[in-house]
Every structure is written in C-alpha cells, then in structure tokens.
Amino acid sequence: MYRRTSKYQAQRRLGPIGGRTPRDPEDEPKPLPELRMRITVERFDFHDERHVFELKRTRRVDVFDVLVDGQPWKRCGLSRVLEGLRKASPRVMSPRSAI
C-alpha cells in the first residue's frame, strides 16, 4: 500500500510554504466604472437614425445591463448586443438588383 512520507505530513501540519502575503494598495485592481461601454449607431440609408447602446456594469465582468436610447433592453454579453444590432438592421437592396 502507498504510504506518504513524513515530509509531506509535516507540511500538512505547518500549512503552505510562504503563505499569502498582504497586497500593496497599488496592486489592487481599480473598481470598474458604472458605464463600461457606449456604442453609437448612425444610419443614413433612408433617413437620419441614431441609437445609443449603453453597457452598464454588473457583478460579472463580461455581462452588461444594456440600455438602448435610455430604455432597459436586456442583461447580456457583448456578442449578444452585437447580434441584436445585426438583427435590428434591415438589409438594403443594392442598386444593381433594381435593374
């Protein structure tokens, strides 16, 4: 049967070597701002249209509370925001297809 050495057992009793050292205040990460990102979309196809996506801080780093033109939309990541933007943008026919 496998038996652990006395060196291993001594380390278990004493705890980790070196342990955690207190951090310097300069090494602490800075708190994230409330407004993490703002995406402004301007469309000039048919008429001037402008929408502002504001991505606000949440408890998770990669998830945002999304406001569109000041109205709450959803809580999601950046890829879902860009997916919603893509789906909301209608396709425009090219001038060659009108012939």
PDB file of N, CA and C in Angstrom:
ATOM      1  N   MET A   1       0.838  -1.176   0.000  1.00  0.00           N
ATOM      2  CA  MET A   1       0.000   0.000   0.000  1.00  0.00           C
ATOM      3  C   MET A   1       0.891   1.249   0.000  1.00  0.00           C
ATOM      4  N   TYR A   2       0.430   2.270  -0.682  1.00  0.00           N
ATOM      5  CA  TYR A   2       1.186   3.518  -0.795  1.00  0.00           C
ATOM      6  C   TYR A   2       1.138   4.252   0.533  1.00  0.00           C
ATOM      7  N   ARG A   3       2.285   4.759   0.953  1.00  0.00           N
ATOM      8  CA  ARG A   3       2.351   5.485   2.203  1.00  0.00           C
ATOM      9  C   ARG A   3       3.047   6.816   1.961  1.00  0.00           C
ATOM     10  N   ARG A   4       2.450   7.887   2.466  1.00  0.00           N
ATOM     11  CA  ARG A   4       3.045   9.209   2.288  1.00  0.00           C
ATOM     12  C   ARG A   4       4.236   9.377   3.222  1.00  0.00           C
ATOM     13  N   THR A   5       5.167  10.190   2.790  1.00  0.00           N
ATOM     14  CA  THR A   5       6.377  10.389   3.584  1.00  0.00           C
ATOM     15  C   THR A   5       6.100  11.323   4.758  1.00  0.00           C
ATOM     16  N   SER A   6       6.973  11.294   5.718  1.00  0.00           N
ATOM     17  CA  SER A   6       6.814  12.156   6.895  1.00  0.00           C
ATOM     18  C   SER A   6       7.008  13.629   6.511  1.00  0.00           C
ATOM     19  N   LYS A   7       7.779  13.881   5.433  1.00  0.00           N
ATOM     20  CA  LYS A   7       7.972  15.261   4.971  1.00  0.00           C
ATOM     21  C   LYS A   7       6.641  15.855   4.531  1.00  0.00           C
ATOM     22  N   TYR A   8       5.843  15.078   3.791  1.00  0.00           N
ATOM     23  CA  TYR A   8       4.535  15.533   3.336  1.00  0.00           C
ATOM     24  C   TYR A   8       3.633  15.807   4.529  1.00  0.00           C
ATOM     25  N   GLN A   9       3.646  14.925   5.541  1.00  0.00           N
ATOM     26  CA  GLN A   9       2.791  15.091   6.700  1.00  0.00           C
ATOM     27  C   GLN A   9       3.197  16.326   7.504  1.00  0.00           C
ATOM     28  N   ALA A  10       4.479  16.620   7.559  1.00  0.00           N
ATOM     29  CA  ALA A  10       4.941  17.808   8.270  1.00  0.00           C
ATOM     30  C   ALA A  10       4.451  19.070   7.560  1.00  0.00           C
ATOM     31  N   GLN A  11       4.476  19.079   6.248  1.00  0.00           N
ATOM     32  CA  GLN A  11       3.982  20.230   5.500  1.00  0.00           C
ATOM     33  C   GLN A  11       2.488  20.413   5.724  1.00  0.00           C
ATOM     34  N   ARG A  12       1.742  19.349   5.792  1.00  0.00           N
ATOM     35  CA  ARG A  12       0.302  19.430   6.023  1.00  0.00           C
ATOM     36  C   ARG A  12       0.015  20.079   7.375  1.00  0.00           C
ATOM     37  N   ARG A  13       0.833  19.782   8.365  1.00  0.00           N
ATOM     38  CA  ARG A  13       0.623  20.358   9.686  1.00  0.00           C
ATOM     39  C   ARG A  13       1.000  21.834   9.717  1.00  0.00           C
ATOM     40  N   LEU A  14       2.062  22.213   8.996  1.00  0.00           N
ATOM     41  CA  LEU A  14       2.548  23.589   9.050  1.00  0.00           C
ATOM     42  C   LEU A  14       1.802  24.524   8.098  1.00  0.00           C
ATOM     43  N   GLY A  15       1.144  23.994   7.110  1.00  0.00           N
ATOM     44  CA  GLY A  15       0.434  24.831   6.144  1.00  0.00           C
ATOM     45  C   GLY A  15       1.306  25.116   4.940  1.00  0.00           C
ATOM     46  N   PRO A  16       0.816  25.911   3.996  1.00  0.00           N
ATOM     47  CA  PRO A  16       1.577  26.176   2.773  1.00  0.00           C
ATOM     48  C   PRO A  16       2.838  26.981   3.070  1.00  0.00           C
ATOM     49  N   ILE A  17       3.874  26.687   2.327  1.00  0.00           N
ATOM     50  CA  ILE A  17       5.141  27.391   2.485  1.00  0.00           C
ATOM     51  C   ILE A  17       5.005  28.771   1.869  1.00  0.00           C
ATOM     52  N   GLY A  18       5.387  29.770   2.601  1.00  0.00           N
ATOM     53  CA  GLY A  18       5.316  31.134   2.089  1.00  0.00           C
ATOM     54  C   GLY A  18       3.984  31.784   2.414  1.00  0.00           C
ATOM     55  N   GLY A  19       2.894  31.069   2.275  1.00  0.00           N
ATOM     56  CA  GLY A  19       1.571  31.613   2.575  1.00  0.00           C
ATOM     57  C   GLY A  19       1.235  32.816   1.718  1.00  0.00           C
ATOM     58  N   ARG A  20       0.122  33.426   2.017  1.00  0.00           N
ATOM     59  CA  ARG A  20      -0.280  34.636   1.294  1.00  0.00           C
ATOM     60  C   ARG A  20       0.334  35.845   1.943  1.00  0.00           C
ATOM     61  N   THR A  21       0.870  36.706   1.141  1.00  0.00           N
ATOM     62  CA  THR A  21       1.419  37.951   1.653  1.00  0.00           C
ATOM     63  C   THR A  21       0.401  39.049   1.406  1.00  0.00           C
ATOM     64  N   PRO A  22       0.345  40.026   2.291  1.00  0.00           N
ATOM     65  CA  PRO A  22      -0.612  41.118   2.058  1.00  0.00           C
ATOM     66  C   PRO A  22      -0.232  41.897   0.804  1.00  0.00           C
ATOM     67  N   ARG A  23      -1.253  42.320   0.062  1.00  0.00           N
ATOM     68  CA  ARG A  23      -1.007  43.061  -1.182  1.00  0.00           C
ATOM     69  C   ARG A  23      -0.780  44.537  -0.896  1.00  0.00           C
ATOM     70  N   ASP A  24      -0.025  45.147  -1.771  1.00  0.00           N
ATOM     71  CA  ASP A  24       0.132  46.595  -1.712  1.00  0.00           C
ATOM     72  C   ASP A  24      -1.142  47.228  -2.249  1.00  0.00           C
ATOM     73  N   PRO A  25      -1.529  48.389  -1.742  1.00  0.00           N
ATOM     74  CA  PRO A  25      -2.730  49.053  -2.272  1.00  0.00           C
ATOM     75  C   PRO A  25      -2.607  49.378  -3.756  1.00  0.00           C
ATOM     76  N   GLU A  26      -1.384  49.556  -4.246  1.00  0.00           N
ATOM     77  CA  GLU A  26      -1.192  49.867  -5.662  1.00  0.00           C
ATOM     78  C   GLU A  26      -1.497  48.670  -6.552  1.00  0.00           C
ATOM     79  N   ASP A  27      -1.351  47.436  -5.992  1.00  0.00           N
ATOM     80  CA  ASP A  27      -1.584  46.232  -6.780  1.00  0.00           C
ATOM     81  C   ASP A  27      -3.061  45.851  -6.855  1.00  0.00           C
ATOM     82  N   GLU A  28      -3.904  46.439  -6.028  1.00  0.00           N
ATOM     83  CA  GLU A  28      -5.330  46.120  -6.035  1.00  0.00           C
ATOM     84  C   GLU A  28      -5.952  46.591  -7.349  1.00  0.00           C
ATOM     85  N   PRO A  29      -6.839  45.792  -7.937  1.00  0.00           N
ATOM     86  CA  PRO A  29      -7.499  46.251  -9.162  1.00  0.00           C
ATOM     87  C   PRO A  29      -8.446  47.408  -8.869  1.00  0.00           C
ATOM     88  N   LYS A  30      -8.478  48.349  -9.787  1.00  0.00           N
ATOM     89  CA  LYS A  30      -9.360  49.512  -9.619  1.00  0.00           C
ATOM     90  C   LYS A  30     -10.798  49.093  -9.893  1.00  0.00           C
ATOM     91  N   PRO A  31     -11.750  49.678  -9.191  1.00  0.00           N
ATOM     92  CA  PRO A  31     -13.150  49.326  -9.460  1.00  0.00           C
ATOM     93  C   PRO A  31     -13.559  49.780 -10.863  1.00  0.00           C
ATOM     94  N   LEU A  32     -14.403  48.974 -11.489  1.00  0.00           N
ATOM     95  CA  LEU A  32     -14.849  49.290 -12.845  1.00  0.00           C
ATOM     96  C   LEU A  32     -15.837  50.453 -12.811  1.00  0.00           C
ATOM     97  N   PRO A  33     -15.845  51.308 -13.849  1.00  0.00           N
ATOM     98  CA  PRO A  33     -16.798  52.420 -13.873  1.00  0.00           C
ATOM     99  C   PRO A  33     -18.217  51.901 -14.101  1.00  0.00           C
ATOM    100  N   GLU A  34     -19.190  52.709 -13.703  1.00  0.00           N
ATOM    101  CA  GLU A  34     -20.602  52.330 -13.858  1.00  0.00           C
ATOM    102  C   GLU A  34     -20.949  52.131 -15.338  1.00  0.00           C
ATOM    103  N   LEU A  35     -20.552  53.062 -16.189  1.00  0.00           N
ATOM    104  CA  LEU A  35     -20.790  52.948 -17.630  1.00  0.00           C
ATOM    105  C   LEU A  35     -19.537  52.345 -18.247  1.00  0.00           C
ATOM    106  N   ARG A  36     -19.636  51.092 -18.691  1.00  0.00           N
ATOM    107  CA  ARG A  36     -18.459  50.383 -19.199  1.00  0.00           C
ATOM    108  C   ARG A  36     -18.201  50.692 -20.671  1.00  0.00           C
ATOM    109  N   MET A  37     -19.274  50.828 -21.471  1.00  0.00           N
ATOM    110  CA  MET A  37     -19.085  50.999 -22.912  1.00  0.00           C
ATOM    111  C   MET A  37     -20.301  51.724 -23.486  1.00  0.00           C
ATOM    112  N   ARG A  38     -20.086  52.530 -24.507  1.00  0.00           N
ATOM    113  CA  ARG A  38     -21.189  53.190 -25.218  1.00  0.00           C
ATOM    114  C   ARG A  38     -20.972  52.955 -26.709  1.00  0.00           C
ATOM    115  N   ILE A  39     -21.998  52.417 -27.362  1.00  0.00           N
ATOM    116  CA  ILE A  39     -21.943  52.168 -28.803  1.00  0.00           C
ATOM    117  C   ILE A  39     -22.990  53.060 -29.448  1.00  0.00           C
ATOM    118  N   THR A  40     -22.567  53.912 -30.359  1.00  0.00           N
ATOM    119  CA  THR A  40     -23.487  54.809 -31.056  1.00  0.00           C
ATOM    120  C   THR A  40     -23.609  54.345 -32.497  1.00  0.00           C
ATOM    121  N   VAL A  41     -24.849  54.152 -32.935  1.00  0.00           N
ATOM    122  CA  VAL A  41     -25.117  53.679 -34.292  1.00  0.00           C
ATOM    123  C   VAL A  41     -25.864  54.778 -35.035  1.00  0.00           C
ATOM    124  N   GLU A  42     -25.316  55.202 -36.161  1.00  0.00           N
ATOM    125  CA  GLU A  42     -25.973  56.198 -37.006  1.00  0.00           C
ATOM    126  C   GLU A  42     -26.202  55.581 -38.376  1.00  0.00           C
ATOM    127  N   ARG A  43     -27.439  55.640 -38.845  1.00  0.00           N
ATOM    128  CA  ARG A  43     -27.777  55.101 -40.165  1.00  0.00           C
ATOM    129  C   ARG A  43     -28.215  56.237 -41.069  1.00  0.00           C
ATOM    130  N   PHE A  44     -27.702  56.245 -42.274  1.00  0.00           N
ATOM    131  CA  PHE A  44     -28.007  57.309 -43.224  1.00  0.00           C
ATOM    132  C   PHE A  44     -28.677  56.763 -44.485  1.00  0.00           C
ATOM    133  N   ASP A  45     -29.168  55.498 -44.463  1.00  0.00           N
ATOM    134  CA  ASP A  45     -29.743  54.883 -45.659  1.00  0.00           C
ATOM    135  C   ASP A  45     -31.013  55.596 -46.119  1.00  0.00           C
ATOM    136  N   PHE A  46     -31.999  55.671 -45.278  1.00  0.00           N
ATOM    137  CA  PHE A  46     -33.296  56.230 -45.681  1.00  0.00           C
ATOM    138  C   PHE A  46     -33.551  57.579 -45.028  1.00  0.00           C
ATOM    139  N   HIS A  47     -33.296  57.671 -43.774  1.00  0.00           N
ATOM    140  CA  HIS A  47     -33.421  58.925 -43.039  1.00  0.00           C
ATOM    141  C   HIS A  47     -32.435  58.862 -41.874  1.00  0.00           C
ATOM    142  N   ASP A  48     -32.127  60.015 -41.340  1.00  0.00           N
ATOM    143  CA  ASP A  48     -31.150  60.030 -40.242  1.00  0.00           C
ATOM    144  C   ASP A  48     -31.740  59.308 -39.035  1.00  0.00           C
ATOM    145  N   GLU A  49     -31.038  58.292 -38.602  1.00  0.00           N
ATOM    146  CA  GLU A  49     -31.492  57.489 -37.476  1.00  0.00           C
ATOM    147  C   GLU A  49     -30.282  57.267 -36.573  1.00  0.00           C
ATOM    148  N   ARG A  50     -30.466  57.474 -35.283  1.00  0.00           N
ATOM    149  CA  ARG A  50     -29.355  57.341 -34.349  1.00  0.00           C
ATOM    150  C   ARG A  50     -29.830  56.597 -33.107  1.00  0.00           C
ATOM    151  N   HIS A  51     -29.059  55.598 -32.698  1.00  0.00           N
ATOM    152  CA  HIS A  51     -29.362  54.833 -31.488  1.00  0.00           C
ATOM    153  C   HIS A  51     -28.096  54.744 -30.648  1.00  0.00           C
ATOM    154  N   VAL A  52     -28.272  54.808 -29.338  1.00  0.00           N
ATOM    155  CA  VAL A  52     -27.146  54.741 -28.414  1.00  0.00           C
ATOM    156  C   VAL A  52     -27.343  53.528 -27.505  1.00  0.00           C
ATOM    157  N   PHE A  53     -26.371  52.623 -27.540  1.00  0.00           N
ATOM    158  CA  PHE A  53     -26.355  51.444 -26.674  1.00  0.00           C
ATOM    159  C   PHE A  53     -25.409  51.754 -25.520  1.00  0.00           C
ATOM    160  N   GLU A  54     -25.914  51.721 -24.303  1.00  0.00           N
ATOM    161  CA  GLU A  54     -25.069  51.936 -23.134  1.00  0.00           C
ATOM    162  C   GLU A  54     -24.950  50.621 -22.385  1.00  0.00           C
ATOM    163  N   LEU A  55     -23.734  50.185 -22.160  1.00  0.00           N
ATOM    164  CA  LEU A  55     -23.472  48.929 -21.464  1.00  0.00           C
ATOM    165  C   LEU A  55     -22.981  49.262 -20.067  1.00  0.00           C
ATOM    166  N   LYS A  56     -23.808  48.954 -19.074  1.00  0.00           N
ATOM    167  CA  LYS A  56     -23.510  49.307 -17.685  1.00  0.00           C
ATOM    168  C   LYS A  56     -22.918  48.126 -16.935  1.00  0.00           C
ATOM    169  N   ARG A  57     -22.221  48.409 -15.878  1.00  0.00           N
ATOM    170  CA  ARG A  57     -21.539  47.422 -15.048  1.00  0.00           C
ATOM    171  C   ARG A  57     -22.547  46.531 -14.310  1.00  0.00           C
ATOM    172  N   THR A  58     -22.198  45.259 -14.181  1.00  0.00           N
ATOM    173  CA  THR A  58     -22.927  44.321 -13.336  1.00  0.00           C
ATOM    174  C   THR A  58     -21.920  43.633 -12.425  1.00  0.00           C
ATOM    175  N   ARG A  59     -22.366  42.635 -11.676  1.00  0.00           N
ATOM    176  CA  ARG A  59     -21.457  41.923 -10.777  1.00  0.00           C
ATOM    177  C   ARG A  59     -20.434  41.103 -11.545  1.00  0.00           C
ATOM    178  N   ARG A  60     -20.773  40.673 -12.757  1.00  0.00           N
ATOM    179  CA  ARG A  60     -19.827  39.907 -13.573  1.00  0.00           C
ATOM    180  C   ARG A  60     -19.113  40.841 -14.537  1.00  0.00           C
ATOM    181  N   VAL A  61     -17.875  40.519 -14.844  1.00  0.00           N
ATOM    182  CA  VAL A  61     -17.058  41.396 -15.698  1.00  0.00           C
ATOM    183  C   VAL A  61     -17.520  41.343 -17.143  1.00  0.00           C
ATOM    184  N   ASP A  62     -17.959  40.184 -17.634  1.00  0.00           N
ATOM    185  CA  ASP A  62     -18.284  40.017 -19.053  1.00  0.00           C
ATOM    186  C   ASP A  62     -19.775  40.120 -19.351  1.00  0.00           C
ATOM    187  N   VAL A  63     -20.583  40.599 -18.409  1.00  0.00           N
ATOM    188  CA  VAL A  63     -22.024  40.751 -18.599  1.00  0.00           C
ATOM    189  C   VAL A  63     -22.385  42.205 -18.314  1.00  0.00           C
ATOM    190  N   PHE A  64     -23.295  42.753 -19.118  1.00  0.00           N
ATOM    191  CA  PHE A  64     -23.664  44.159 -19.004  1.00  0.00           C
ATOM    192  C   PHE A  64     -25.177  44.303 -18.892  1.00  0.00           C
ATOM    193  N   ASP A  65     -25.619  45.368 -18.215  1.00  0.00           N
ATOM    194  CA  ASP A  65     -27.005  45.813 -18.301  1.00  0.00           C
ATOM    195  C   ASP A  65     -27.049  46.752 -19.493  1.00  0.00           C
ATOM    196  N   VAL A  66     -27.865  46.425 -20.496  1.00  0.00           N
ATOM    197  CA  VAL A  66     -27.860  47.182 -21.743  1.00  0.00           C
ATOM    198  C   VAL A  66     -29.062  48.113 -21.787  1.00  0.00           C
ATOM    199  N   LEU A  67     -28.792  49.382 -22.058  1.00  0.00           N
ATOM    200  CA  LEU A  67     -29.826  50.388 -22.266  1.00  0.00           C
ATOM    201  C   LEU A  67     -29.741  50.841 -23.715  1.00  0.00           C
ATOM    202  N   VAL A  68     -30.876  50.890 -24.395  1.00  0.00           N
ATOM    203  CA  VAL A  68     -30.920  51.382 -25.773  1.00  0.00           C
ATOM    204  C   VAL A  68     -31.757  52.650 -25.757  1.00  0.00           C
ATOM    205  N   ASP A  69     -31.156  53.761 -26.113  1.00  0.00           N
ATOM    206  CA  ASP A  69     -31.794  55.077 -26.084  1.00  0.00           C
ATOM    207  C   ASP A  69     -32.391  55.367 -24.715  1.00  0.00           C
ATOM    208  N   GLY A  70     -31.698  54.951 -23.656  1.00  0.00           N
ATOM    209  CA  GLY A  70     -32.132  55.229 -22.297  1.00  0.00           C
ATOM    210  C   GLY A  70     -33.137  54.240 -21.726  1.00  0.00           C
ATOM    211  N   GLN A  71     -33.624  53.303 -22.527  1.00  0.00           N
ATOM    212  CA  GLN A  71     -34.603  52.314 -22.072  1.00  0.00           C
ATOM    213  C   GLN A  71     -33.900  50.979 -21.838  1.00  0.00           C
ATOM    214  N   PRO A  72     -34.212  50.282 -20.735  1.00  0.00           N
ATOM    215  CA  PRO A  72     -33.566  48.982 -20.496  1.00  0.00           C
ATOM    216  C   PRO A  72     -33.939  47.973 -21.570  1.00  0.00           C
ATOM    217  N   TRP A  73     -32.948  47.229 -22.037  1.00  0.00           N
ATOM    218  CA  TRP A  73     -33.180  46.231 -23.081  1.00  0.00           C
ATOM    219  C   TRP A  73     -33.019  44.835 -22.523  1.00  0.00           C
ATOM    220  N   LYS A  74     -31.800  44.450 -22.118  1.00  0.00           N
ATOM    221  CA  LYS A  74     -31.566  43.144 -21.529  1.00  0.00           C
ATOM    222  C   LYS A  74     -30.222  43.128 -20.833  1.00  0.00           C
ATOM    223  N   ARG A  75     -29.959  42.035 -20.116  1.00  0.00           N
ATOM    224  CA  ARG A  75     -28.658  41.809 -19.474  1.00  0.00           C
ATOM    225  C   ARG A  75     -27.974  40.705 -20.255  1.00  0.00           C
ATOM    226  N   CYS A  76     -26.840  41.048 -20.886  1.00  0.00           N
ATOM    227  CA  CYS A  76     -26.164  40.063 -21.726  1.00  0.00           C
ATOM    228  C   CYS A  76     -24.720  40.490 -21.962  1.00  0.00           C
ATOM    229  N   GLY A  77     -24.011  39.674 -22.711  1.00  0.00           N
ATOM    230  CA  GLY A  77     -22.632  39.952 -23.068  1.00  0.00           C
ATOM    231  C   GLY A  77     -22.544  40.759 -24.351  1.00  0.00           C
ATOM    232  N   LEU A  78     -21.335  41.140 -24.704  1.00  0.00           N
ATOM    233  CA  LEU A  78     -21.119  41.984 -25.875  1.00  0.00           C
ATOM    234  C   LEU A  78     -21.533  41.289 -27.166  1.00  0.00           C
ATOM    235  N   SER A  79     -21.299  39.989 -27.284  1.00  0.00           N
ATOM    236  CA  SER A  79     -21.663  39.294 -28.520  1.00  0.00           C
ATOM    237  C   SER A  79     -23.178  39.305 -28.733  1.00  0.00           C
ATOM    238  N   ARG A  80     -23.961  39.197 -27.660  1.00  0.00           N
ATOM    239  CA  ARG A  80     -25.425  39.269 -27.800  1.00  0.00           C
ATOM    240  C   ARG A  80     -25.891  40.674 -28.168  1.00  0.00           C
ATOM    241  N   VAL A  81     -25.204  41.684 -27.682  1.00  0.00           N
ATOM    242  CA  VAL A  81     -25.532  43.065 -28.056  1.00  0.00           C
ATOM    243  C   VAL A  81     -25.307  43.250 -29.547  1.00  0.00           C
ATOM    244  N   LEU A  82     -24.167  42.781 -30.043  1.00  0.00           N
ATOM    245  CA  LEU A  82     -23.872  42.930 -31.469  1.00  0.00           C
ATOM    246  C   LEU A  82     -24.810  42.083 -32.322  1.00  0.00           C
ATOM    247  N   GLU A  83     -25.226  40.930 -31.811  1.00  0.00           N
ATOM    248  CA  GLU A  83     -26.193  40.097 -32.519  1.00  0.00           C
ATOM    249  C   GLU A  83     -27.538  40.822 -32.630  1.00  0.00           C
ATOM    250  N   GLY A  84     -27.986  41.451 -31.553  1.00  0.00           N
ATOM    251  CA  GLY A  84     -29.237  42.217 -31.587  1.00  0.00           C
ATOM    252  C   GLY A  84     -29.152  43.385 -32.539  1.00  0.00           C
ATOM    253  N   LEU A  85     -28.014  44.038 -32.585  1.00  0.00           N
ATOM    254  CA  LEU A  85     -27.804  45.146 -33.515  1.00  0.00           C
ATOM    255  C   LEU A  85     -27.866  44.658 -34.961  1.00  0.00           C
ATOM    256  N   ARG A  86     -27.245  43.524 -35.217  1.00  0.00           N
ATOM    257  CA  ARG A  86     -27.258  42.959 -36.575  1.00  0.00           C
ATOM    258  C   ARG A  86     -28.674  42.581 -36.990  1.00  0.00           C
ATOM    259  N   LYS A  87     -29.441  41.965 -36.091  1.00  0.00           N
ATOM    260  CA  LYS A  87     -30.800  41.546 -36.422  1.00  0.00           C
ATOM    261  C   LYS A  87     -31.739  42.736 -36.594  1.00  0.00           C
ATOM    262  N   ALA A  88     -31.470  43.832 -35.893  1.00  0.00           N
ATOM    263  CA  ALA A  88     -32.333  45.008 -35.985  1.00  0.00           C
ATOM    264  C   ALA A  88     -32.052  45.840 -37.237  1.00  0.00           C
ATOM    265  N   SER A  89     -30.948  45.589 -37.896  1.00  0.00           N
ATOM    266  CA  SER A  89     -30.599  46.366 -39.084  1.00  0.00           C
ATOM    267  C   SER A  89     -31.141  45.665 -40.323  1.00  0.00           C
ATOM    268  N   PRO A  90     -32.136  46.252 -40.985  1.00  0.00           N
ATOM    269  CA  PRO A  90     -32.668  45.605 -42.185  1.00  0.00           C
ATOM    270  C   PRO A  90     -31.667  45.650 -43.325  1.00  0.00           C
ATOM    271  N   ARG A  91     -31.742  44.657 -44.176  1.00  0.00           N
ATOM    272  CA  ARG A  91     -30.874  44.649 -45.361  1.00  0.00           C
ATOM    273  C   ARG A  91     -31.431  45.594 -46.409  1.00  0.00           C
ATOM    274  N   VAL A  92     -30.537  46.215 -47.119  1.00  0.00           N
ATOM    275  CA  VAL A  92     -30.920  47.164 -48.157  1.00  0.00           C
ATOM    276  C   VAL A  92     -30.523  46.574 -49.498  1.00  0.00           C
ATOM    277  N   MET A  93     -31.423  46.644 -50.461  1.00  0.00           N
ATOM    278  CA  MET A  93     -31.110  46.109 -51.785  1.00  0.00           C
ATOM    279  C   MET A  93     -30.083  46.972 -52.474  1.00  0.00           C
ATOM    280  N   SER A  94     -29.237  46.342 -53.250  1.00  0.00           N
ATOM    281  CA  SER A  94     -28.216  47.093 -53.951  1.00  0.00           C
ATOM    282  C   SER A  94     -28.842  47.736 -55.195  1.00  0.00           C
ATOM    283  N   PRO A  95     -28.236  48.783 -55.719  1.00  0.00           N
ATOM    284  CA  PRO A  95     -28.760  49.432 -56.921  1.00  0.00           C
ATOM    285  C   PRO A  95     -28.760  48.495 -58.133  1.00  0.00           C
ATOM    286  N   ARG A  96     -27.862  47.508 -58.165  1.00  0.00           N
ATOM    287  CA  ARG A  96     -27.809  46.583 -59.290  1.00  0.00           C
ATOM    288  C   ARG A  96     -29.026  45.656 -59.326  1.00  0.00           C
ATOM    289  N   SER A  97     -29.627  45.376 -58.181  1.00  0.00           N
ATOM    290  CA  SER A  97     -30.755  44.448 -58.162  1.00  0.00           C
ATOM    291  C   SER A  97     -32.048  45.116 -58.648  1.00  0.00           C
ATOM    292  N   ALA A  98     -32.102  46.429 -58.756  1.00  0.00           N
ATOM    293  CA  ALA A  98     -33.302  47.122 -59.202  1.00  0.00           C
ATOM    294  C   ALA A  98     -33.453  47.100 -60.717  1.00  0.00           C
ATOM    295  N   ILE A  99     -32.433  46.655 -61.400  1.00  0.00           N
ATOM    296  CA  ILE A  99     -32.476  46.664 -62.863  1.00  0.00           C
ATOM    297  C   ILE A  99     -33.310  45.524 -63.376  1.00  0.00           C
TER     298      ILE A  99
END
